[in-house]
Amino acid sequence: MNQTKSEPVTLGFAITGSFCTYQKILETLQNMKTKNYNIIPIFSERGGTMDTRFQKAGDFVSQVQEITGNKGIFTIQEAEPIGPGGYLDALVIAPCTGNTLAKLCHGITDSTVLMAAKAHLRNEKPLIISISTNDALGMNFANLGQLMNTKNIYFVPFGQDNYKKKTNSMVAHVELIPDTIEAALAGKQLQPVIQSPF
């Protein structure tokens, strides 16, 4: 890492459609304002447009942009220049749904967030994944394992959020996102990765 103390880390923060975690994401972004980060938000097509019982999409997008002080990236076309531009020091996907996890593992690039991830990884810089998926220990278990062993990919420590009613569900400890970023920038995986139960 070549930044001096006065130079901020330029961080992509990509948000996919695990809507129930959005309040925690807002709190995490607010807390990250104390760090030396220039945060560029990236929204999945559903995350940036879909109203749910948890919040209105427009309100959420506005809050994220206000907290970060940057306009978001919303389309594949806007995300593609992350590769040739090489301007991100690290990219976080938080929350990362099982759908995004599976597609990332198999090289599918059909969304803004997946294009951002593919473009960023071409520069061999850290990609940090903060999972939120009901099938982490089920259909997505193989994908999780493969990505855990992929160069330049790091995981925010995670655990079972409801092991009695949702035995396959795993959710990241989002409060550890900043520590995971710092470790990843040094080429290390924050340990322990499995911190369970919640």
C-alpha atoms as a PDB file:
ATOM      1  CA  MET A   1       0.000   0.000   0.000  1.00  0.00           C
ATOM      2  CA  ASN A   2       1.597   3.243  -1.170  1.00  0.00           C
ATOM      3  CA  GLN A   3      -0.700   5.835   0.424  1.00  0.00           C
ATOM      4  CA  THR A   4       0.760   8.335   2.849  1.00  0.00           C
ATOM      5  CA  LYS A   5      -1.266   9.265   5.925  1.00  0.00           C
ATOM      6  CA  SER A   6      -2.789  12.264   4.147  1.00  0.00           C
ATOM      7  CA  GLU A   7      -3.936  10.297   1.105  1.00  0.00           C
ATOM      8  CA  PRO A   8      -7.316   8.595   1.475  1.00  0.00           C
ATOM      9  CA  VAL A   9      -7.933   5.006   0.491  1.00  0.00           C
ATOM     10  CA  THR A  10     -10.321   5.010  -2.480  1.00  0.00           C
ATOM     11  CA  LEU A  11     -12.866   2.369  -1.654  1.00  0.00           C
ATOM     12  CA  GLY A  12     -15.659   0.989  -3.797  1.00  0.00           C
ATOM     13  CA  PHE A  13     -18.657  -0.034  -1.692  1.00  0.00           C
ATOM     14  CA  ALA A  14     -21.002  -2.265  -3.688  1.00  0.00           C
ATOM     15  CA  ILE A  15     -24.491  -3.003  -2.362  1.00  0.00           C
ATOM     16  CA  THR A  16     -26.639  -5.937  -3.503  1.00  0.00           C
ATOM     17  CA  GLY A  17     -30.203  -6.900  -2.620  1.00  0.00           C
ATOM     18  CA  SER A  18     -30.146  -8.273   0.928  1.00  0.00           C
ATOM     19  CA  PHE A  19     -32.585  -5.546   1.941  1.00  0.00           C
ATOM     20  CA  CYS A  20     -32.957  -6.602   5.579  1.00  0.00           C
ATOM     21  CA  THR A  21     -29.312  -5.644   6.225  1.00  0.00           C
ATOM     22  CA  TYR A  22     -29.523  -2.109   4.790  1.00  0.00           C
ATOM     23  CA  GLN A  23     -29.935  -0.344   8.129  1.00  0.00           C
ATOM     24  CA  LYS A  24     -26.726  -1.976   9.367  1.00  0.00           C
ATOM     25  CA  ILE A  25     -25.000  -0.973   6.121  1.00  0.00           C
ATOM     26  CA  LEU A  26     -25.991   2.659   6.680  1.00  0.00           C
ATOM     27  CA  GLU A  27     -24.648   2.508  10.237  1.00  0.00           C
ATOM     28  CA  THR A  28     -21.421   0.921   8.998  1.00  0.00           C
ATOM     29  CA  LEU A  29     -20.928   3.592   6.338  1.00  0.00           C
ATOM     30  CA  GLN A  30     -21.588   6.303   8.933  1.00  0.00           C
ATOM     31  CA  ASN A  31     -18.953   4.805  11.235  1.00  0.00           C
ATOM     32  CA  MET A  32     -16.491   4.530   8.355  1.00  0.00           C
ATOM     33  CA  LYS A  33     -16.575   8.306   7.903  1.00  0.00           C
ATOM     34  CA  THR A  34     -14.014   8.515  10.706  1.00  0.00           C
ATOM     35  CA  LYS A  35     -11.568   6.505   8.580  1.00  0.00           C
ATOM     36  CA  ASN A  36      -9.392   7.931   5.821  1.00  0.00           C
ATOM     37  CA  TYR A  37     -11.620   6.555   3.046  1.00  0.00           C
ATOM     38  CA  ASN A  38     -12.993   8.069  -0.128  1.00  0.00           C
ATOM     39  CA  ILE A  39     -16.036   5.807  -0.554  1.00  0.00           C
ATOM     40  CA  ILE A  40     -17.639   5.372  -3.969  1.00  0.00           C
ATOM     41  CA  PRO A  41     -21.031   3.619  -3.701  1.00  0.00           C
ATOM     42  CA  ILE A  42     -22.030   1.027  -6.292  1.00  0.00           C
ATOM     43  CA  PHE A  43     -25.623  -0.216  -6.458  1.00  0.00           C
ATOM     44  CA  SER A  44     -26.994  -3.415  -7.937  1.00  0.00           C
ATOM     45  CA  GLU A  45     -29.957  -2.980 -10.231  1.00  0.00           C
ATOM     46  CA  ARG A  46     -32.359  -4.256  -7.548  1.00  0.00           C
ATOM     47  CA  GLY A  47     -30.589  -2.616  -4.633  1.00  0.00           C
ATOM     48  CA  GLY A  48     -30.778   0.773  -6.283  1.00  0.00           C
ATOM     49  CA  THR A  49     -34.371   0.650  -7.511  1.00  0.00           C
ATOM     50  CA  MET A  50     -36.537  -1.815  -5.565  1.00  0.00           C
ATOM     51  CA  ASP A  51     -38.847  -0.560  -2.813  1.00  0.00           C
ATOM     52  CA  THR A  52     -39.336  -3.106  -0.009  1.00  0.00           C
ATOM     53  CA  ARG A  53     -40.980  -3.380   3.391  1.00  0.00           C
ATOM     54  CA  PHE A  54     -37.647  -2.261   4.864  1.00  0.00           C
ATOM     55  CA  GLN A  55     -37.201   1.022   2.972  1.00  0.00           C
ATOM     56  CA  LYS A  56     -37.812   2.987  -0.208  1.00  0.00           C
ATOM     57  CA  ALA A  57     -34.998   2.556  -2.721  1.00  0.00           C
ATOM     58  CA  GLY A  58     -34.756   6.264  -3.442  1.00  0.00           C
ATOM     59  CA  ASP A  59     -34.432   7.123   0.246  1.00  0.00           C
ATOM     60  CA  PHE A  60     -31.734   4.490   0.759  1.00  0.00           C
ATOM     61  CA  VAL A  61     -29.722   5.607  -2.269  1.00  0.00           C
ATOM     62  CA  SER A  62     -29.932   9.233  -1.153  1.00  0.00           C
ATOM     63  CA  GLN A  63     -28.736   8.340   2.349  1.00  0.00           C
ATOM     64  CA  VAL A  64     -25.776   6.358   1.037  1.00  0.00           C
ATOM     65  CA  GLN A  65     -24.747   9.149  -1.342  1.00  0.00           C
ATOM     66  CA  GLU A  66     -25.099  11.751   1.404  1.00  0.00           C
ATOM     67  CA  ILE A  67     -22.995   9.739   3.868  1.00  0.00           C
ATOM     68  CA  THR A  68     -20.242   8.986   1.342  1.00  0.00           C
ATOM     69  CA  GLY A  69     -20.326  12.369  -0.383  1.00  0.00           C
ATOM     70  CA  ASN A  70     -20.123  10.643  -3.771  1.00  0.00           C
ATOM     71  CA  LYS A  71     -22.605   9.907  -6.542  1.00  0.00           C
ATOM     72  CA  GLY A  72     -23.259   6.219  -6.960  1.00  0.00           C
ATOM     73  CA  ILE A  73     -22.463   3.900  -9.860  1.00  0.00           C
ATOM     74  CA  PHE A  74     -25.689   2.358 -11.150  1.00  0.00           C
ATOM     75  CA  THR A  75     -25.001   0.669 -14.502  1.00  0.00           C
ATOM     76  CA  ILE A  76     -22.671  -1.879 -16.051  1.00  0.00           C
ATOM     77  CA  GLN A  77     -21.409   0.838 -18.388  1.00  0.00           C
ATOM     78  CA  GLU A  78     -20.479   3.053 -15.434  1.00  0.00           C
ATOM     79  CA  ALA A  79     -18.763   0.175 -13.619  1.00  0.00           C
ATOM     80  CA  GLU A  80     -16.614  -1.065 -16.517  1.00  0.00           C
ATOM     81  CA  PRO A  81     -14.024   1.788 -16.345  1.00  0.00           C
ATOM     82  CA  ILE A  82     -13.033   0.639 -12.840  1.00  0.00           C
ATOM     83  CA  GLY A  83     -10.792  -1.874 -14.620  1.00  0.00           C
ATOM     84  CA  PRO A  84      -8.794   0.294 -17.035  1.00  0.00           C
ATOM     85  CA  GLY A  85      -8.921   3.270 -14.654  1.00  0.00           C
ATOM     86  CA  GLY A  86      -7.566   1.219 -11.743  1.00  0.00           C
ATOM     87  CA  TYR A  87      -8.691   3.910  -9.325  1.00  0.00           C
ATOM     88  CA  LEU A  88     -10.008   1.727  -6.487  1.00  0.00           C
ATOM     89  CA  ASP A  89      -7.597   0.579  -3.788  1.00  0.00           C
ATOM     90  CA  ALA A  90     -10.150  -1.966  -2.567  1.00  0.00           C
ATOM     91  CA  LEU A  91     -13.726  -2.988  -3.328  1.00  0.00           C
ATOM     92  CA  VAL A  92     -16.255  -4.189  -0.743  1.00  0.00           C
ATOM     93  CA  ILE A  93     -19.464  -6.052  -1.621  1.00  0.00           C
ATOM     94  CA  ALA A  94     -21.751  -5.523   1.376  1.00  0.00           C
ATOM     95  CA  PRO A  95     -24.169  -7.129   1.580  1.00  0.00           C
ATOM     96  CA  CYS A  96     -23.219  -9.881  -0.873  1.00  0.00           C
ATOM     97  CA  THR A  97     -26.205 -12.102  -1.621  1.00  0.00           C
ATOM     98  CA  GLY A  98     -25.972 -15.785  -2.474  1.00  0.00           C
ATOM     99  CA  ASN A  99     -26.960 -14.939  -6.052  1.00  0.00           C
ATOM    100  CA  THR A 100     -24.045 -12.524  -6.419  1.00  0.00           C
ATOM    101  CA  LEU A 101     -21.688 -14.948  -4.652  1.00  0.00           C
ATOM    102  CA  ALA A 102     -22.576 -17.776  -7.056  1.00  0.00           C
ATOM    103  CA  LYS A 103     -22.246 -15.630 -10.172  1.00  0.00           C
ATOM    104  CA  LEU A 104     -18.948 -14.147  -9.013  1.00  0.00           C
ATOM    105  CA  CYS A 105     -17.602 -17.660  -8.449  1.00  0.00           C
ATOM    106  CA  HIS A 106     -18.562 -18.703 -11.994  1.00  0.00           C
ATOM    107  CA  GLY A 107     -17.399 -15.561 -13.813  1.00  0.00           C
ATOM    108  CA  ILE A 108     -20.886 -14.267 -14.663  1.00  0.00           C
ATOM    109  CA  THR A 109     -20.963 -10.502 -15.196  1.00  0.00           C
ATOM    110  CA  ASP A 110     -24.588  -9.528 -15.675  1.00  0.00           C
ATOM    111  CA  SER A 111     -24.991  -6.772 -13.087  1.00  0.00           C
ATOM    112  CA  THR A 112     -23.376  -3.511 -12.070  1.00  0.00           C
ATOM    113  CA  VAL A 113     -21.830  -5.026  -8.930  1.00  0.00           C
ATOM    114  CA  LEU A 114     -20.462  -8.066 -10.772  1.00  0.00           C
ATOM    115  CA  MET A 115     -18.955  -5.864 -13.477  1.00  0.00           C
ATOM    116  CA  ALA A 116     -17.348  -3.709 -10.785  1.00  0.00           C
ATOM    117  CA  ALA A 117     -15.900  -6.831  -9.124  1.00  0.00           C
ATOM    118  CA  LYS A 118     -14.585  -8.268 -12.394  1.00  0.00           C
ATOM    119  CA  ALA A 119     -13.104  -4.928 -13.447  1.00  0.00           C
ATOM    120  CA  HIS A 120     -11.475  -4.417 -10.042  1.00  0.00           C
ATOM    121  CA  LEU A 121     -10.001  -7.922  -9.817  1.00  0.00           C
ATOM    122  CA  ARG A 122      -8.225  -7.432 -13.120  1.00  0.00           C
ATOM    123  CA  ASN A 123      -6.019  -4.953 -11.239  1.00  0.00           C
ATOM    124  CA  GLU A 124      -5.094  -7.599  -8.620  1.00  0.00           C
ATOM    125  CA  LYS A 125      -6.357  -5.492  -5.713  1.00  0.00           C
ATOM    126  CA  PRO A 126      -8.418  -6.646  -2.727  1.00  0.00           C
ATOM    127  CA  LEU A 127     -12.070  -7.605  -3.122  1.00  0.00           C
ATOM    128  CA  ILE A 128     -13.787  -7.891   0.262  1.00  0.00           C
ATOM    129  CA  ILE A 129     -17.004  -9.912   0.527  1.00  0.00           C
ATOM    130  CA  SER A 130     -19.547  -9.385   3.299  1.00  0.00           C
ATOM    131  CA  ILE A 131     -21.980 -12.260   2.836  1.00  0.00           C
ATOM    132  CA  SER A 132     -25.685 -12.302   3.640  1.00  0.00           C
ATOM    133  CA  THR A 133     -27.286 -15.463   2.292  1.00  0.00           C
ATOM    134  CA  ASN A 134     -29.753 -18.101   3.448  1.00  0.00           C
ATOM    135  CA  ASP A 135     -27.919 -20.852   1.528  1.00  0.00           C
ATOM    136  CA  ALA A 136     -24.272 -20.318   2.512  1.00  0.00           C
ATOM    137  CA  LEU A 137     -24.142 -23.791   4.052  1.00  0.00           C
ATOM    138  CA  GLY A 138     -26.409 -25.281   1.385  1.00  0.00           C
ATOM    139  CA  MET A 139     -26.352 -24.777  -2.384  1.00  0.00           C
ATOM    140  CA  ASN A 140     -23.771 -21.975  -2.109  1.00  0.00           C
ATOM    141  CA  PHE A 141     -21.345 -23.863   0.149  1.00  0.00           C
ATOM    142  CA  ALA A 142     -19.119 -24.945  -2.768  1.00  0.00           C
ATOM    143  CA  ASN A 143     -19.024 -21.379  -4.141  1.00  0.00           C
ATOM    144  CA  LEU A 144     -18.140 -19.989  -0.732  1.00  0.00           C
ATOM    145  CA  GLY A 145     -15.286 -22.475  -0.401  1.00  0.00           C
ATOM    146  CA  GLN A 146     -13.935 -21.751  -3.858  1.00  0.00           C
ATOM    147  CA  LEU A 147     -13.943 -17.986  -3.345  1.00  0.00           C
ATOM    148  CA  MET A 148     -12.281 -18.387   0.061  1.00  0.00           C
ATOM    149  CA  ASN A 149      -9.354 -19.896  -1.857  1.00  0.00           C
ATOM    150  CA  THR A 150      -9.237 -17.314  -4.656  1.00  0.00           C
ATOM    151  CA  LYS A 151      -6.384 -14.829  -4.848  1.00  0.00           C
ATOM    152  CA  ASN A 152      -7.199 -11.233  -3.841  1.00  0.00           C
ATOM    153  CA  ILE A 153     -10.601 -12.167  -2.355  1.00  0.00           C
ATOM    154  CA  TYR A 154     -11.149 -11.683   1.375  1.00  0.00           C
ATOM    155  CA  PHE A 155     -14.160 -12.257   3.612  1.00  0.00           C
ATOM    156  CA  VAL A 156     -15.630 -10.175   6.392  1.00  0.00           C
ATOM    157  CA  PRO A 157     -15.896 -12.689   9.276  1.00  0.00           C
ATOM    158  CA  PHE A 158     -19.336 -14.297   9.325  1.00  0.00           C
ATOM    159  CA  GLY A 159     -21.518 -16.643  11.328  1.00  0.00           C
ATOM    160  CA  GLN A 160     -24.900 -18.340  11.482  1.00  0.00           C
ATOM    161  CA  ASP A 161     -27.499 -15.676  12.210  1.00  0.00           C
ATOM    162  CA  ASN A 162     -30.311 -18.074  13.136  1.00  0.00           C
ATOM    163  CA  TYR A 163     -28.996 -21.632  13.452  1.00  0.00           C
ATOM    164  CA  LYS A 164     -32.283 -22.998  14.846  1.00  0.00           C
ATOM    165  CA  LYS A 165     -34.671 -21.798  12.134  1.00  0.00           C
ATOM    166  CA  LYS A 166     -32.296 -21.128   9.177  1.00  0.00           C
ATOM    167  CA  THR A 167     -29.553 -23.713   9.497  1.00  0.00           C
ATOM    168  CA  ASN A 168     -27.850 -22.838   6.191  1.00  0.00           C
ATOM    169  CA  SER A 169     -27.909 -19.058   6.663  1.00  0.00           C
ATOM    170  CA  MET A 170     -24.707 -17.078   7.211  1.00  0.00           C
ATOM    171  CA  VAL A 171     -24.356 -13.321   7.670  1.00  0.00           C
ATOM    172  CA  ALA A 172     -21.201 -11.228   7.989  1.00  0.00           C
ATOM    173  CA  HIS A 173     -20.342  -9.222  11.087  1.00  0.00           C
ATOM    174  CA  VAL A 174     -20.554  -5.893   9.270  1.00  0.00           C
ATOM    175  CA  GLU A 175     -18.957  -4.033  12.162  1.00  0.00           C
ATOM    176  CA  LEU A 176     -15.734  -5.813  11.145  1.00  0.00           C
ATOM    177  CA  ILE A 177     -15.746  -4.390   7.603  1.00  0.00           C
ATOM    178  CA  PRO A 178     -13.140  -1.672   8.399  1.00  0.00           C
ATOM    179  CA  ASP A 179     -10.797  -4.166  10.113  1.00  0.00           C
ATOM    180  CA  THR A 180     -11.204  -6.573   7.185  1.00  0.00           C
ATOM    181  CA  ILE A 181     -10.344  -3.814   4.712  1.00  0.00           C
ATOM    182  CA  GLU A 182      -7.172  -2.893   6.603  1.00  0.00           C
ATOM    183  CA  ALA A 183      -6.089  -6.529   6.767  1.00  0.00           C
ATOM    184  CA  ALA A 184      -6.861  -7.073   3.067  1.00  0.00           C
ATOM    185  CA  LEU A 185      -4.851  -4.011   2.058  1.00  0.00           C
ATOM    186  CA  ALA A 186      -1.936  -5.678   3.846  1.00  0.00           C
ATOM    187  CA  GLY A 187      -2.631  -8.931   1.973  1.00  0.00           C
ATOM    188  CA  LYS A 188      -4.094 -10.752   4.984  1.00  0.00           C
ATOM    189  CA  GLN A 189      -7.426 -12.370   5.818  1.00  0.00           C
ATOM    190  CA  LEU A 190      -8.861 -11.103   9.096  1.00  0.00           C
ATOM    191  CA  GLN A 191      -9.163 -14.002  11.546  1.00  0.00           C
ATOM    192  CA  PRO A 192     -11.082 -15.858  12.749  1.00  0.00           C
ATOM    193  CA  VAL A 193     -13.255 -15.979   9.637  1.00  0.00           C
ATOM    194  CA  ILE A 194     -16.031 -18.004  11.291  1.00  0.00           C
ATOM    195  CA  GLN A 195     -17.527 -16.228  14.289  1.00  0.00           C
ATOM    196  CA  SER A 196     -20.703 -17.990  15.284  1.00  0.00           C
ATOM    197  CA  PRO A 197     -23.408 -17.861  16.461  1.00  0.00           C
ATOM    198  CA  PHE A 198     -24.604 -14.253  16.474  1.00  0.00           C
END
